[in-house]
Amino acid sequence: MEGKKIIREYRYEDINEVHKYLSDSDVVRYMEWGPNEIKDTKNFIDDAIQNQRKKEKNIY
């Protein structure tokens, strides 16, 4: 699988990397939220993981 990128679900250990882009004002310029503080990113990761655990997913 050399050269291929895999998209996977979030993990708790992703928080620092995710926070790098969610706290960047240029990245979130046109979003209704942000830039995030670390507590906001933690809540995002928590919510994402809870949604990933649902048998029938309706949020991706």
PDB file of N, CA and C in Angstrom:
ATOM      1  N   MET A   1       0.821  -1.193   0.000  1.00  0.00           N
ATOM      2  CA  MET A   1       0.000   0.000   0.000  1.00  0.00           C
ATOM      3  C   MET A   1       0.863   1.254   0.000  1.00  0.00           C
ATOM      4  N   GLU A   2       2.028   1.126  -0.476  1.00  0.00           N
ATOM      5  CA  GLU A   2       2.937   2.256  -0.513  1.00  0.00           C
ATOM      6  C   GLU A   2       2.359   3.366  -1.375  1.00  0.00           C
ATOM      7  N   GLY A   3       2.414   4.604  -0.862  1.00  0.00           N
ATOM      8  CA  GLY A   3       1.920   5.740  -1.616  1.00  0.00           C
ATOM      9  C   GLY A   3       0.437   6.008  -1.458  1.00  0.00           C
ATOM     10  N   LYS A   4      -0.317   5.060  -0.911  1.00  0.00           N
ATOM     11  CA  LYS A   4      -1.754   5.255  -0.729  1.00  0.00           C
ATOM     12  C   LYS A   4      -2.017   5.853   0.639  1.00  0.00           C
ATOM     13  N   LYS A   5      -3.016   6.703   0.713  1.00  0.00           N
ATOM     14  CA  LYS A   5      -3.434   7.290   1.976  1.00  0.00           C
ATOM     15  C   LYS A   5      -4.772   6.671   2.361  1.00  0.00           C
ATOM     16  N   ILE A   6      -4.904   6.362   3.613  1.00  0.00           N
ATOM     17  CA  ILE A   6      -6.126   5.761   4.125  1.00  0.00           C
ATOM     18  C   ILE A   6      -6.827   6.778   5.023  1.00  0.00           C
ATOM     19  N   ILE A   7      -8.104   6.982   4.779  1.00  0.00           N
ATOM     20  CA  ILE A   7      -8.899   7.809   5.671  1.00  0.00           C
ATOM     21  C   ILE A   7      -9.493   6.882   6.718  1.00  0.00           C
ATOM     22  N   ARG A   8      -9.282   7.222   7.971  1.00  0.00           N
ATOM     23  CA  ARG A   8      -9.795   6.393   9.049  1.00  0.00           C
ATOM     24  C   ARG A   8     -10.586   7.261  10.005  1.00  0.00           C
ATOM     25  N   GLU A   9     -11.267   6.615  10.918  1.00  0.00           N
ATOM     26  CA  GLU A   9     -12.036   7.338  11.919  1.00  0.00           C
ATOM     27  C   GLU A   9     -11.092   7.961  12.941  1.00  0.00           C
ATOM     28  N   TYR A  10     -11.600   8.976  13.636  1.00  0.00           N
ATOM     29  CA  TYR A  10     -10.803   9.660  14.647  1.00  0.00           C
ATOM     30  C   TYR A  10     -10.479   8.748  15.824  1.00  0.00           C
ATOM     31  N   ARG A  11      -9.356   9.033  16.444  1.00  0.00           N
ATOM     32  CA  ARG A  11      -8.932   8.385  17.690  1.00  0.00           C
ATOM     33  C   ARG A  11      -8.588   9.492  18.675  1.00  0.00           C
ATOM     34  N   TYR A  12      -8.644   9.184  19.984  1.00  0.00           N
ATOM     35  CA  TYR A  12      -8.321  10.190  20.991  1.00  0.00           C
ATOM     36  C   TYR A  12      -6.897  10.732  20.827  1.00  0.00           C
ATOM     37  N   GLU A  13      -5.978   9.891  20.390  1.00  0.00           N
ATOM     38  CA  GLU A  13      -4.594  10.355  20.248  1.00  0.00           C
ATOM     39  C   GLU A  13      -4.407  11.313  19.064  1.00  0.00           C
ATOM     40  N   ASP A  14      -5.449  11.551  18.289  1.00  0.00           N
ATOM     41  CA  ASP A  14      -5.383  12.492  17.169  1.00  0.00           C
ATOM     42  C   ASP A  14      -5.557  13.943  17.599  1.00  0.00           C
ATOM     43  N   ILE A  15      -5.879  14.179  18.854  1.00  0.00           N
ATOM     44  CA  ILE A  15      -6.287  15.521  19.282  1.00  0.00           C
ATOM     45  C   ILE A  15      -5.275  16.609  18.932  1.00  0.00           C
ATOM     46  N   ASN A  16      -3.999  16.380  19.113  1.00  0.00           N
ATOM     47  CA  ASN A  16      -3.012  17.433  18.833  1.00  0.00           C
ATOM     48  C   ASN A  16      -2.940  17.777  17.353  1.00  0.00           C
ATOM     49  N   GLU A  17      -2.975  16.771  16.501  1.00  0.00           N
ATOM     50  CA  GLU A  17      -2.915  17.021  15.058  1.00  0.00           C
ATOM     51  C   GLU A  17      -4.200  17.685  14.576  1.00  0.00           C
ATOM     52  N   VAL A  18      -5.336  17.229  15.063  1.00  0.00           N
ATOM     53  CA  VAL A  18      -6.618  17.830  14.685  1.00  0.00           C
ATOM     54  C   VAL A  18      -6.669  19.278  15.170  1.00  0.00           C
ATOM     55  N   HIS A  19      -6.187  19.507  16.377  1.00  0.00           N
ATOM     56  CA  HIS A  19      -6.213  20.864  16.918  1.00  0.00           C
ATOM     57  C   HIS A  19      -5.363  21.828  16.090  1.00  0.00           C
ATOM     58  N   LYS A  20      -4.308  21.330  15.485  1.00  0.00           N
ATOM     59  CA  LYS A  20      -3.464  22.197  14.650  1.00  0.00           C
ATOM     60  C   LYS A  20      -4.283  22.858  13.545  1.00  0.00           C
ATOM     61  N   TYR A  21      -5.176  22.106  12.905  1.00  0.00           N
ATOM     62  CA  TYR A  21      -5.943  22.731  11.827  1.00  0.00           C
ATOM     63  C   TYR A  21      -7.232  23.375  12.313  1.00  0.00           C
ATOM     64  N   LEU A  22      -7.854  22.860  13.380  1.00  0.00           N
ATOM     65  CA  LEU A  22      -9.090  23.474  13.867  1.00  0.00           C
ATOM     66  C   LEU A  22      -8.838  24.788  14.603  1.00  0.00           C
ATOM     67  N   SER A  23      -7.613  25.038  14.996  1.00  0.00           N
ATOM     68  CA  SER A  23      -7.288  26.288  15.680  1.00  0.00           C
ATOM     69  C   SER A  23      -6.628  27.308  14.753  1.00  0.00           C
ATOM     70  N   ASP A  24      -6.476  26.958  13.496  1.00  0.00           N
ATOM     71  CA  ASP A  24      -5.849  27.839  12.518  1.00  0.00           C
ATOM     72  C   ASP A  24      -6.909  28.768  11.911  1.00  0.00           C
ATOM     73  N   SER A  25      -6.792  30.058  12.163  1.00  0.00           N
ATOM     74  CA  SER A  25      -7.810  31.005  11.703  1.00  0.00           C
ATOM     75  C   SER A  25      -7.953  31.026  10.179  1.00  0.00           C
ATOM     76  N   ASP A  26      -6.890  30.750   9.446  1.00  0.00           N
ATOM     77  CA  ASP A  26      -7.000  30.688   7.985  1.00  0.00           C
ATOM     78  C   ASP A  26      -7.810  29.478   7.538  1.00  0.00           C
ATOM     79  N   VAL A  27      -7.664  28.369   8.220  1.00  0.00           N
ATOM     80  CA  VAL A  27      -8.379  27.142   7.852  1.00  0.00           C
ATOM     81  C   VAL A  27      -9.872  27.277   8.130  1.00  0.00           C
ATOM     82  N   VAL A  28     -10.233  27.894   9.237  1.00  0.00           N
ATOM     83  CA  VAL A  28     -11.645  27.953   9.647  1.00  0.00           C
ATOM     84  C   VAL A  28     -12.304  29.292   9.313  1.00  0.00           C
ATOM     85  N   ARG A  29     -11.674  30.056   8.490  1.00  0.00           N
ATOM     86  CA  ARG A  29     -12.155  31.407   8.165  1.00  0.00           C
ATOM     87  C   ARG A  29     -13.630  31.442   7.774  1.00  0.00           C
ATOM     88  N   TYR A  30     -14.104  30.490   6.996  1.00  0.00           N
ATOM     89  CA  TYR A  30     -15.475  30.520   6.494  1.00  0.00           C
ATOM     90  C   TYR A  30     -16.405  29.557   7.231  1.00  0.00           C
ATOM     91  N   MET A  31     -15.958  29.077   8.365  1.00  0.00           N
ATOM     92  CA  MET A  31     -16.783  28.188   9.167  1.00  0.00           C
ATOM     93  C   MET A  31     -17.620  29.025  10.137  1.00  0.00           C
ATOM     94  N   GLU A  32     -18.689  28.435  10.649  1.00  0.00           N
ATOM     95  CA  GLU A  32     -19.531  29.117  11.633  1.00  0.00           C
ATOM     96  C   GLU A  32     -18.926  29.029  13.033  1.00  0.00           C
ATOM     97  N   TRP A  33     -17.837  28.329  13.178  1.00  0.00           N
ATOM     98  CA  TRP A  33     -17.181  28.116  14.469  1.00  0.00           C
ATOM     99  C   TRP A  33     -15.690  28.367  14.301  1.00  0.00           C
ATOM    100  N   GLY A  34     -15.014  28.408  15.443  1.00  0.00           N
ATOM    101  CA  GLY A  34     -13.558  28.475  15.436  1.00  0.00           C
ATOM    102  C   GLY A  34     -13.016  29.877  15.325  1.00  0.00           C
ATOM    103  N   PRO A  35     -11.731  30.008  15.419  1.00  0.00           N
ATOM    104  CA  PRO A  35     -10.783  28.929  15.655  1.00  0.00           C
ATOM    105  C   PRO A  35     -10.965  28.317  17.049  1.00  0.00           C
ATOM    106  N   ASN A  36     -10.705  27.017  17.120  1.00  0.00           N
ATOM    107  CA  ASN A  36     -10.927  26.266  18.352  1.00  0.00           C
ATOM    108  C   ASN A  36      -9.881  26.532  19.413  1.00  0.00           C
ATOM    109  N   GLU A  37     -10.340  26.463  20.650  1.00  0.00           N
ATOM    110  CA  GLU A  37      -9.442  26.315  21.783  1.00  0.00           C
ATOM    111  C   GLU A  37      -9.325  24.810  22.000  1.00  0.00           C
ATOM    112  N   ILE A  38      -8.352  24.359  22.774  1.00  0.00           N
ATOM    113  CA  ILE A  38      -8.125  22.918  22.943  1.00  0.00           C
ATOM    114  C   ILE A  38      -9.365  22.217  23.500  1.00  0.00           C
ATOM    115  N   LYS A  39     -10.126  22.875  24.370  1.00  0.00           N
ATOM    116  CA  LYS A  39     -11.338  22.250  24.924  1.00  0.00           C
ATOM    117  C   LYS A  39     -12.379  22.032  23.830  1.00  0.00           C
ATOM    118  N   ASP A  40     -12.453  22.929  22.844  1.00  0.00           N
ATOM    119  CA  ASP A  40     -13.377  22.769  21.726  1.00  0.00           C
ATOM    120  C   ASP A  40     -12.986  21.570  20.866  1.00  0.00           C
ATOM    121  N   THR A  41     -11.701  21.425  20.629  1.00  0.00           N
ATOM    122  CA  THR A  41     -11.221  20.295  19.838  1.00  0.00           C
ATOM    123  C   THR A  41     -11.453  18.985  20.572  1.00  0.00           C
ATOM    124  N   LYS A  42     -11.246  18.975  21.885  1.00  0.00           N
ATOM    125  CA  LYS A  42     -11.518  17.772  22.681  1.00  0.00           C
ATOM    126  C   LYS A  42     -12.991  17.398  22.563  1.00  0.00           C
ATOM    127  N   ASN A  43     -13.887  18.382  22.652  1.00  0.00           N
ATOM    128  CA  ASN A  43     -15.322  18.112  22.500  1.00  0.00           C
ATOM    129  C   ASN A  43     -15.634  17.574  21.112  1.00  0.00           C
ATOM    130  N   PHE A  44     -14.973  18.123  20.087  1.00  0.00           N
ATOM    131  CA  PHE A  44     -15.171  17.649  18.721  1.00  0.00           C
ATOM    132  C   PHE A  44     -14.764  16.177  18.594  1.00  0.00           C
ATOM    133  N   ILE A  45     -13.588  15.849  19.106  1.00  0.00           N
ATOM    134  CA  ILE A  45     -13.100  14.467  19.045  1.00  0.00           C
ATOM    135  C   ILE A  45     -14.034  13.540  19.832  1.00  0.00           C
ATOM    136  N   ASP A  46     -14.444  13.964  21.029  1.00  0.00           N
ATOM    137  CA  ASP A  46     -15.378  13.160  21.834  1.00  0.00           C
ATOM    138  C   ASP A  46     -16.662  12.883  21.066  1.00  0.00           C
ATOM    139  N   ASP A  47     -17.252  13.926  20.475  1.00  0.00           N
ATOM    140  CA  ASP A  47     -18.487  13.761  19.706  1.00  0.00           C
ATOM    141  C   ASP A  47     -18.283  12.851  18.502  1.00  0.00           C
ATOM    142  N   ALA A  48     -17.179  13.046  17.802  1.00  0.00           N
ATOM    143  CA  ALA A  48     -16.899  12.231  16.617  1.00  0.00           C
ATOM    144  C   ALA A  48     -16.776  10.758  16.992  1.00  0.00           C
ATOM    145  N   ILE A  49     -16.078  10.474  18.067  1.00  0.00           N
ATOM    146  CA  ILE A  49     -15.897   9.081  18.485  1.00  0.00           C
ATOM    147  C   ILE A  49     -17.218   8.476  18.936  1.00  0.00           C
ATOM    148  N   GLN A  50     -18.043   9.239  19.631  1.00  0.00           N
ATOM    149  CA  GLN A  50     -19.353   8.736  20.036  1.00  0.00           C
ATOM    150  C   GLN A  50     -20.205   8.404  18.808  1.00  0.00           C
ATOM    151  N   ASN A  51     -20.165   9.255  17.793  1.00  0.00           N
ATOM    152  CA  ASN A  51     -20.913   8.988  16.560  1.00  0.00           C
ATOM    153  C   ASN A  51     -20.349   7.791  15.805  1.00  0.00           C
ATOM    154  N   GLN A  52     -19.050   7.583  15.854  1.00  0.00           N
ATOM    155  CA  GLN A  52     -18.426   6.447  15.180  1.00  0.00           C
ATOM    156  C   GLN A  52     -18.876   5.134  15.796  1.00  0.00           C
ATOM    157  N   ARG A  53     -19.205   5.133  17.068  1.00  0.00           N
ATOM    158  CA  ARG A  53     -19.585   3.907  17.780  1.00  0.00           C
ATOM    159  C   ARG A  53     -21.022   3.484  17.525  1.00  0.00           C
ATOM    160  N   LYS A  54     -21.826   4.362  16.933  1.00  0.00           N
ATOM    161  CA  LYS A  54     -23.225   4.038  16.669  1.00  0.00           C
ATOM    162  C   LYS A  54     -23.310   2.961  15.596  1.00  0.00           C
ATOM    163  N   LYS A  55     -24.249   2.042  15.795  1.00  0.00           N
ATOM    164  CA  LYS A  55     -24.422   0.968  14.826  1.00  0.00           C
ATOM    165  C   LYS A  55     -24.901   1.524  13.494  1.00  0.00           C
ATOM    166  N   GLU A  56     -25.925   2.367  13.552  1.00  0.00           N
ATOM    167  CA  GLU A  56     -26.426   3.012  12.334  1.00  0.00           C
ATOM    168  C   GLU A  56     -25.932   4.448  12.336  1.00  0.00           C
ATOM    169  N   LYS A  57     -25.017   4.735  11.464  1.00  0.00           N
ATOM    170  CA  LYS A  57     -24.411   6.054  11.427  1.00  0.00           C
ATOM    171  C   LYS A  57     -25.225   7.002  10.557  1.00  0.00           C
ATOM    172  N   ASN A  58     -25.379   8.234  11.059  1.00  0.00           N
ATOM    173  CA  ASN A  58     -26.020   9.262  10.257  1.00  0.00           C
ATOM    174  C   ASN A  58     -25.180  10.538  10.218  1.00  0.00           C
ATOM    175  N   ILE A  59     -24.025  10.514  10.876  1.00  0.00           N
ATOM    176  CA  ILE A  59     -23.081  11.623  10.853  1.00  0.00           C
ATOM    177  C   ILE A  59     -21.714  11.042  10.531  1.00  0.00           C
ATOM    178  N   TYR A  60     -21.046  11.645   9.552  1.00  0.00           N
ATOM    179  CA  TYR A  60     -19.710  11.174   9.164  1.00  0.00           C
ATOM    180  C   TYR A  60     -18.726  12.302   9.237  1.00  0.00           C
TER     181      TYR A  60
END
